[in-house]
C-alpha atoms as a PDB file:
ATOM      1  CA  UNK A   1     -13.512   9.756  20.283  1.00  0.00           C
ATOM      2  CA  UNK A   2     -10.650   7.924  18.543  1.00  0.00           C
ATOM      3  CA  UNK A   3     -12.423   4.581  18.867  1.00  0.00           C
ATOM      4  CA  UNK A   4     -15.483   6.024  17.127  1.00  0.00           C
ATOM      5  CA  UNK A   5     -13.380   6.254  13.924  1.00  0.00           C
ATOM      6  CA  UNK A   6     -12.646   2.508  14.005  1.00  0.00           C
ATOM      7  CA  UNK A   7     -14.786  -0.401  12.925  1.00  0.00           C
ATOM      8  CA  UNK A   8     -16.403  -2.025  15.925  1.00  0.00           C
ATOM      9  CA  UNK A   9     -15.283  -5.488  16.872  1.00  0.00           C
ATOM     10  CA  UNK A  10     -17.867  -6.862  19.290  1.00  0.00           C
ATOM     11  CA  UNK A  11     -17.437 -10.017  21.310  1.00  0.00           C
ATOM     12  CA  UNK A  12     -19.580 -11.195  24.242  1.00  0.00           C
ATOM     13  CA  UNK A  13     -16.712 -11.266  26.741  1.00  0.00           C
ATOM     14  CA  UNK A  14     -16.210  -7.733  28.110  1.00  0.00           C
ATOM     15  CA  UNK A  15     -12.542  -8.357  29.034  1.00  0.00           C
ATOM     16  CA  UNK A  16     -11.718  -9.316  25.456  1.00  0.00           C
ATOM     17  CA  UNK A  17     -13.749  -6.391  24.130  1.00  0.00           C
ATOM     18  CA  UNK A  18     -11.773  -4.013  26.359  1.00  0.00           C
ATOM     19  CA  UNK A  19      -8.476  -5.510  25.229  1.00  0.00           C
ATOM     20  CA  UNK A  20      -9.359  -5.034  21.561  1.00  0.00           C
ATOM     21  CA  UNK A  21     -10.207  -1.389  22.184  1.00  0.00           C
ATOM     22  CA  UNK A  22      -7.153  -0.816  24.364  1.00  0.00           C
ATOM     23  CA  UNK A  23      -4.995  -2.555  21.761  1.00  0.00           C
ATOM     24  CA  UNK A  24      -6.209  -0.199  19.056  1.00  0.00           C
ATOM     25  CA  UNK A  25      -5.417   2.831  21.160  1.00  0.00           C
ATOM     26  CA  UNK A  26      -2.042   1.424  22.238  1.00  0.00           C
ATOM     27  CA  UNK A  27      -1.010   0.693  18.629  1.00  0.00           C
ATOM     28  CA  UNK A  28      -2.114   4.146  17.555  1.00  0.00           C
ATOM     29  CA  UNK A  29      -0.175   5.687  20.450  1.00  0.00           C
ATOM     30  CA  UNK A  30       3.102   4.051  19.373  1.00  0.00           C
ATOM     31  CA  UNK A  31       2.624   4.932  15.680  1.00  0.00           C
ATOM     32  CA  UNK A  32       4.691   8.082  15.225  1.00  0.00           C
ATOM     33  CA  UNK A  33       4.405  10.464  12.320  1.00  0.00           C
ATOM     34  CA  UNK A  34       3.515  13.985  11.254  1.00  0.00           C
ATOM     35  CA  UNK A  35      -0.165  14.591  10.781  1.00  0.00           C
ATOM     36  CA  UNK A  36      -2.088  14.414   8.625  1.00  0.00           C
ATOM     37  CA  UNK A  37      -0.220  12.759   5.743  1.00  0.00           C
ATOM     38  CA  UNK A  38       3.400  11.938   6.632  1.00  0.00           C
ATOM     39  CA  UNK A  39       4.799   8.411   6.896  1.00  0.00           C
ATOM     40  CA  UNK A  40       4.106   6.701  10.204  1.00  0.00           C
ATOM     41  CA  UNK A  41       6.569   4.602  12.183  1.00  0.00           C
ATOM     42  CA  UNK A  42       4.507   1.763  13.627  1.00  0.00           C
ATOM     43  CA  UNK A  43       6.940   1.163  16.481  1.00  0.00           C
ATOM     44  CA  UNK A  44       7.252  -2.044  18.477  1.00  0.00           C
ATOM     45  CA  UNK A  45       7.593  -0.850  22.004  1.00  0.00           C
ATOM     46  CA  UNK A  46      10.687   1.258  22.331  1.00  0.00           C
ATOM     47  CA  UNK A  47      12.264  -0.308  19.237  1.00  0.00           C
ATOM     48  CA  UNK A  48      12.088   1.157  15.784  1.00  0.00           C
ATOM     49  CA  UNK A  49       9.643  -0.390  13.295  1.00  0.00           C
ATOM     50  CA  UNK A  50      10.631  -3.692  11.709  1.00  0.00           C
ATOM     51  CA  UNK A  51       8.665  -5.295   8.910  1.00  0.00           C
ATOM     52  CA  UNK A  52       8.110  -8.554  10.760  1.00  0.00           C
ATOM     53  CA  UNK A  53       6.960  -7.100  14.061  1.00  0.00           C
ATOM     54  CA  UNK A  54       5.219  -3.992  12.753  1.00  0.00           C
ATOM     55  CA  UNK A  55       3.190  -6.121  10.314  1.00  0.00           C
ATOM     56  CA  UNK A  56       0.579  -7.215  12.891  1.00  0.00           C
ATOM     57  CA  UNK A  57       0.128  -3.619  14.010  1.00  0.00           C
ATOM     58  CA  UNK A  58      -0.363  -2.417  10.437  1.00  0.00           C
ATOM     59  CA  UNK A  59      -2.743  -5.290   9.630  1.00  0.00           C
ATOM     60  CA  UNK A  60      -4.713  -4.450  12.770  1.00  0.00           C
ATOM     61  CA  UNK A  61      -5.061  -0.863  11.578  1.00  0.00           C
ATOM     62  CA  UNK A  62      -6.534  -2.175   8.326  1.00  0.00           C
ATOM     63  CA  UNK A  63      -8.802  -4.669  10.111  1.00  0.00           C
ATOM     64  CA  UNK A  64     -10.433  -1.917  12.164  1.00  0.00           C
ATOM     65  CA  UNK A  65     -10.803   0.399   9.199  1.00  0.00           C
ATOM     66  CA  UNK A  66      -7.885   2.741   9.822  1.00  0.00           C
ATOM     67  CA  UNK A  67      -6.732   2.304   6.222  1.00  0.00           C
ATOM     68  CA  UNK A  68      -5.015   5.675   5.899  1.00  0.00           C
ATOM     69  CA  UNK A  69      -2.939   4.965   9.009  1.00  0.00           C
ATOM     70  CA  UNK A  70      -2.041   1.528   7.620  1.00  0.00           C
ATOM     71  CA  UNK A  71      -1.015   3.082   4.284  1.00  0.00           C
ATOM     72  CA  UNK A  72       1.125   5.694   6.007  1.00  0.00           C
ATOM     73  CA  UNK A  73       2.761   2.941   8.091  1.00  0.00           C
ATOM     74  CA  UNK A  74       3.637   1.019   4.907  1.00  0.00           C
ATOM     75  CA  UNK A  75       4.990   4.249   3.424  1.00  0.00           C
ATOM     76  CA  UNK A  76       7.516   4.397   6.293  1.00  0.00           C
ATOM     77  CA  UNK A  77       9.193   1.254   4.916  1.00  0.00           C
ATOM     78  CA  UNK A  78       8.908   2.254   1.271  1.00  0.00           C
ATOM     79  CA  UNK A  79      10.778   5.490   1.992  1.00  0.00           C
ATOM     80  CA  UNK A  80      13.664   3.347   3.277  1.00  0.00           C
ATOM     81  CA  UNK A  81      13.679   0.975   0.322  1.00  0.00           C
ATOM     82  CA  UNK A  82      17.014   0.845  -1.478  1.00  0.00           C
ATOM     83  CA  UNK A  83      17.343   1.362  -5.220  1.00  0.00           C
ATOM     84  CA  UNK A  84      17.856  -2.393  -5.678  1.00  0.00           C
ATOM     85  CA  UNK A  85      14.505  -3.096  -3.955  1.00  0.00           C
ATOM     86  CA  UNK A  86      15.799  -4.302  -0.575  1.00  0.00           C
ATOM     87  CA  UNK A  87      13.998  -2.979   2.512  1.00  0.00           C
ATOM     88  CA  UNK A  88      15.899  -2.896   5.767  1.00  0.00           C
ATOM     89  CA  UNK A  89      15.153  -0.683   8.725  1.00  0.00           C
ATOM     90  CA  UNK A  90      16.127  -2.582  11.836  1.00  0.00           C
ATOM     91  CA  UNK A  91      19.450  -3.903  13.223  1.00  0.00           C
ATOM     92  CA  UNK A  92      20.710  -5.628  10.111  1.00  0.00           C
ATOM     93  CA  UNK A  93      17.649  -7.880   9.873  1.00  0.00           C
ATOM     94  CA  UNK A  94      17.075  -9.053   6.302  1.00  0.00           C
ATOM     95  CA  UNK A  95      13.463 -10.217   6.375  1.00  0.00           C
ATOM     96  CA  UNK A  96      11.614  -6.924   5.936  1.00  0.00           C
ATOM     97  CA  UNK A  97      11.248  -6.914   2.127  1.00  0.00           C
ATOM     98  CA  UNK A  98       8.964  -9.965   2.106  1.00  0.00           C
ATOM     99  CA  UNK A  99       6.891  -8.703   4.994  1.00  0.00           C
ATOM    100  CA  UNK A 100       6.352  -5.264   3.465  1.00  0.00           C
ATOM    101  CA  UNK A 101       5.361  -6.739   0.079  1.00  0.00           C
ATOM    102  CA  UNK A 102       2.907  -8.998   1.924  1.00  0.00           C
ATOM    103  CA  UNK A 103       1.515  -5.988   3.814  1.00  0.00           C
ATOM    104  CA  UNK A 104       1.026  -4.140   0.528  1.00  0.00           C
ATOM    105  CA  UNK A 105      -0.996  -7.084  -0.812  1.00  0.00           C
ATOM    106  CA  UNK A 106      -3.079  -7.320   2.341  1.00  0.00           C
ATOM    107  CA  UNK A 107      -3.721  -3.571   2.399  1.00  0.00           C
ATOM    108  CA  UNK A 108      -4.847  -3.688  -1.217  1.00  0.00           C
ATOM    109  CA  UNK A 109      -7.158  -6.600  -0.416  1.00  0.00           C
ATOM    110  CA  UNK A 110      -8.841  -4.391   2.185  1.00  0.00           C
ATOM    111  CA  UNK A 111      -8.993  -1.166   0.207  1.00  0.00           C
ATOM    112  CA  UNK A 112      -8.826  -1.975  -3.516  1.00  0.00           C
ATOM    113  CA  UNK A 113      -7.137   1.453  -3.799  1.00  0.00           C
ATOM    114  CA  UNK A 114      -5.793   1.255  -7.344  1.00  0.00           C
ATOM    115  CA  UNK A 115      -4.484   4.836  -7.291  1.00  0.00           C
ATOM    116  CA  UNK A 116      -2.289   3.981  -4.279  1.00  0.00           C
ATOM    117  CA  UNK A 117      -1.121   0.802  -5.981  1.00  0.00           C
ATOM    118  CA  UNK A 118      -0.151   2.745  -9.114  1.00  0.00           C
ATOM    119  CA  UNK A 119       1.796   5.252  -6.987  1.00  0.00           C
ATOM    120  CA  UNK A 120       3.894   2.505  -5.435  1.00  0.00           C
ATOM    121  CA  UNK A 121       4.151   0.219  -8.486  1.00  0.00           C
ATOM    122  CA  UNK A 122       7.897   0.745  -8.824  1.00  0.00           C
ATOM    123  CA  UNK A 123       8.455  -0.120  -5.160  1.00  0.00           C
ATOM    124  CA  UNK A 124       6.453  -3.303  -5.562  1.00  0.00           C
ATOM    125  CA  UNK A 125       8.289  -4.414  -8.711  1.00  0.00           C
ATOM    126  CA  UNK A 126      11.809  -3.749  -7.476  1.00  0.00           C
ATOM    127  CA  UNK A 127      11.025  -5.394  -4.139  1.00  0.00           C
ATOM    128  CA  UNK A 128       9.803  -8.573  -5.812  1.00  0.00           C
ATOM    129  CA  UNK A 129      12.720  -8.517  -8.242  1.00  0.00           C
ATOM    130  CA  UNK A 130      15.165  -8.223  -5.349  1.00  0.00           C
ATOM    131  CA  UNK A 131      13.722 -11.327  -3.685  1.00  0.00           C
ATOM    132  CA  UNK A 132      13.653 -13.271  -6.957  1.00  0.00           C
ATOM    133  CA  UNK A 133      17.305 -12.441  -7.674  1.00  0.00           C
ATOM    134  CA  UNK A 134      18.265 -13.286  -4.103  1.00  0.00           C
ATOM    135  CA  UNK A 135      16.722 -16.735  -4.579  1.00  0.00           C
ATOM    136  CA  UNK A 136      18.519 -17.204  -7.890  1.00  0.00           C
ATOM    137  CA  UNK A 137      21.864 -16.448  -6.224  1.00  0.00           C
ATOM    138  CA  UNK A 138      21.208 -19.499  -4.061  1.00  0.00           C
ATOM    139  CA  UNK A 139      20.528 -21.833  -6.966  1.00  0.00           C
ATOM    140  CA  UNK A 140      24.096 -23.125  -7.047  1.00  0.00           C
ATOM    141  CA  UNK A 141      24.824 -26.830  -7.565  1.00  0.00           C
ATOM    142  CA  UNK A 142      26.865 -26.957  -4.336  1.00  0.00           C
ATOM    143  CA  UNK A 143      23.752 -25.941  -2.373  1.00  0.00           C
ATOM    144  CA  UNK A 144      21.675 -28.962  -3.472  1.00  0.00           C
ATOM    145  CA  UNK A 145      20.404 -30.493  -0.250  1.00  0.00           C
ATOM    146  CA  UNK A 146      21.781 -27.519   1.723  1.00  0.00           C
ATOM    147  CA  UNK A 147      19.404 -24.680   0.893  1.00  0.00           C
ATOM    148  CA  UNK A 148      19.321 -24.731  -2.903  1.00  0.00           C
ATOM    149  CA  UNK A 149      16.904 -22.072  -4.137  1.00  0.00           C
ATOM    150  CA  UNK A 150      16.287 -20.645  -0.691  1.00  0.00           C
ATOM    151  CA  UNK A 151      17.250 -17.123   0.313  1.00  0.00           C
ATOM    152  CA  UNK A 152      19.758 -16.881   3.137  1.00  0.00           C
ATOM    153  CA  UNK A 153      19.977 -14.080   5.668  1.00  0.00           C
ATOM    154  CA  UNK A 154      19.606 -12.752   9.186  1.00  0.00           C
ATOM    155  CA  UNK A 155      16.154 -12.731  10.764  1.00  0.00           C
ATOM    156  CA  UNK A 156      16.933 -11.910  14.416  1.00  0.00           C
ATOM    157  CA  UNK A 157      19.515 -10.493  16.773  1.00  0.00           C
ATOM    158  CA  UNK A 158      22.117 -13.299  16.393  1.00  0.00           C
ATOM    159  CA  UNK A 159      24.295 -12.978  13.312  1.00  0.00           C
ATOM    160  CA  UNK A 160      22.952 -16.228  11.882  1.00  0.00           C
ATOM    161  CA  UNK A 161      22.908 -15.923   8.095  1.00  0.00           C
ATOM    162  CA  UNK A 162      21.262 -19.116   6.898  1.00  0.00           C
ATOM    163  CA  UNK A 163      18.339 -20.477   4.862  1.00  0.00           C
ATOM    164  CA  UNK A 164      15.669 -20.084   7.561  1.00  0.00           C
ATOM    165  CA  UNK A 165      12.051 -21.097   7.138  1.00  0.00           C
ATOM    166  CA  UNK A 166      10.829 -17.715   8.390  1.00  0.00           C
ATOM    167  CA  UNK A 167      12.858 -15.750   5.854  1.00  0.00           C
ATOM    168  CA  UNK A 168      11.826 -17.943   2.966  1.00  0.00           C
ATOM    169  CA  UNK A 169       8.159 -18.236   3.900  1.00  0.00           C
ATOM    170  CA  UNK A 170       7.738 -14.481   4.136  1.00  0.00           C
ATOM    171  CA  UNK A 171       9.753 -13.890   0.967  1.00  0.00           C
ATOM    172  CA  UNK A 172       7.517 -16.317  -0.920  1.00  0.00           C
ATOM    173  CA  UNK A 173       4.387 -14.764   0.550  1.00  0.00           C
ATOM    174  CA  UNK A 174       5.605 -11.267  -0.396  1.00  0.00           C
ATOM    175  CA  UNK A 175       6.317 -12.298  -3.994  1.00  0.00           C
ATOM    176  CA  UNK A 176       2.967 -14.070  -4.179  1.00  0.00           C
ATOM    177  CA  UNK A 177       1.114 -10.948  -3.037  1.00  0.00           C
ATOM    178  CA  UNK A 178       3.010  -8.882  -5.635  1.00  0.00           C
ATOM    179  CA  UNK A 179       1.869 -11.290  -8.341  1.00  0.00           C
ATOM    180  CA  UNK A 180      -1.679 -10.913  -7.061  1.00  0.00           C
ATOM    181  CA  UNK A 181      -1.713  -7.088  -7.062  1.00  0.00           C
ATOM    182  CA  UNK A 182       0.223  -6.790 -10.322  1.00  0.00           C
ATOM    183  CA  UNK A 183      -2.781  -8.346 -12.075  1.00  0.00           C
ATOM    184  CA  UNK A 184      -4.395  -4.928 -11.629  1.00  0.00           C
ATOM    185  CA  UNK A 185      -1.402  -3.127 -13.151  1.00  0.00           C
ATOM    186  CA  UNK A 186       0.241  -5.384 -15.743  1.00  0.00           C
ATOM    187  CA  UNK A 187      -1.126  -8.895 -16.439  1.00  0.00           C
ATOM    188  CA  UNK A 188       2.050 -10.071 -18.240  1.00  0.00           C
ATOM    189  CA  UNK A 189       4.354  -9.012 -15.406  1.00  0.00           C
ATOM    190  CA  UNK A 190       1.955 -10.566 -12.897  1.00  0.00           C
ATOM    191  CA  UNK A 191       2.215 -13.908 -14.738  1.00  0.00           C
ATOM    192  CA  UNK A 192       6.037 -13.743 -14.809  1.00  0.00           C
ATOM    193  CA  UNK A 193       6.179 -13.047 -11.070  1.00  0.00           C
ATOM    194  CA  UNK A 194       3.630 -15.771 -10.347  1.00  0.00           C
ATOM    195  CA  UNK A 195       5.766 -18.236 -12.296  1.00  0.00           C
ATOM    196  CA  UNK A 196       8.746 -17.410 -10.065  1.00  0.00           C
END
């Protein structure tokens, strides 16, 4: 019955077809929240949600048409967003802000839900601003050739705070998606963010 509410993904190979269907049910099973409208924790196994690893689950929800579940899963992170825009839910990892902003952009691409976008406009703007300011803090002359203009932080279990590709790629992608969706809310602000 649950699968009947999802878009059908049909491939000729039955084993792959079964895995897609089982994957949808598994992801739904580990997405915890109060029905029908509360935020949903798209968990990653027995670990709490983390922007980087929950992102594929949330995108899968959108890809099979479970848009409300995807939105509620994004809401989980937005409820944990700090006043300065930073999003952190898991074990001191610092890469979640970029991932969540990217997810917001992808969700909007699927749904074109302008009312939802207006409701979370502040979250979007402060998240992008946090990443932009983080980058600016790393635009010091002494960092030329050593991470100048790149955000630095922890992306995994080891306490390695450095200018990693993963952290910067997802931060850039998050800011880019914010610029894209802001065109629907404020063209001038969208241009300023795009310039960054």
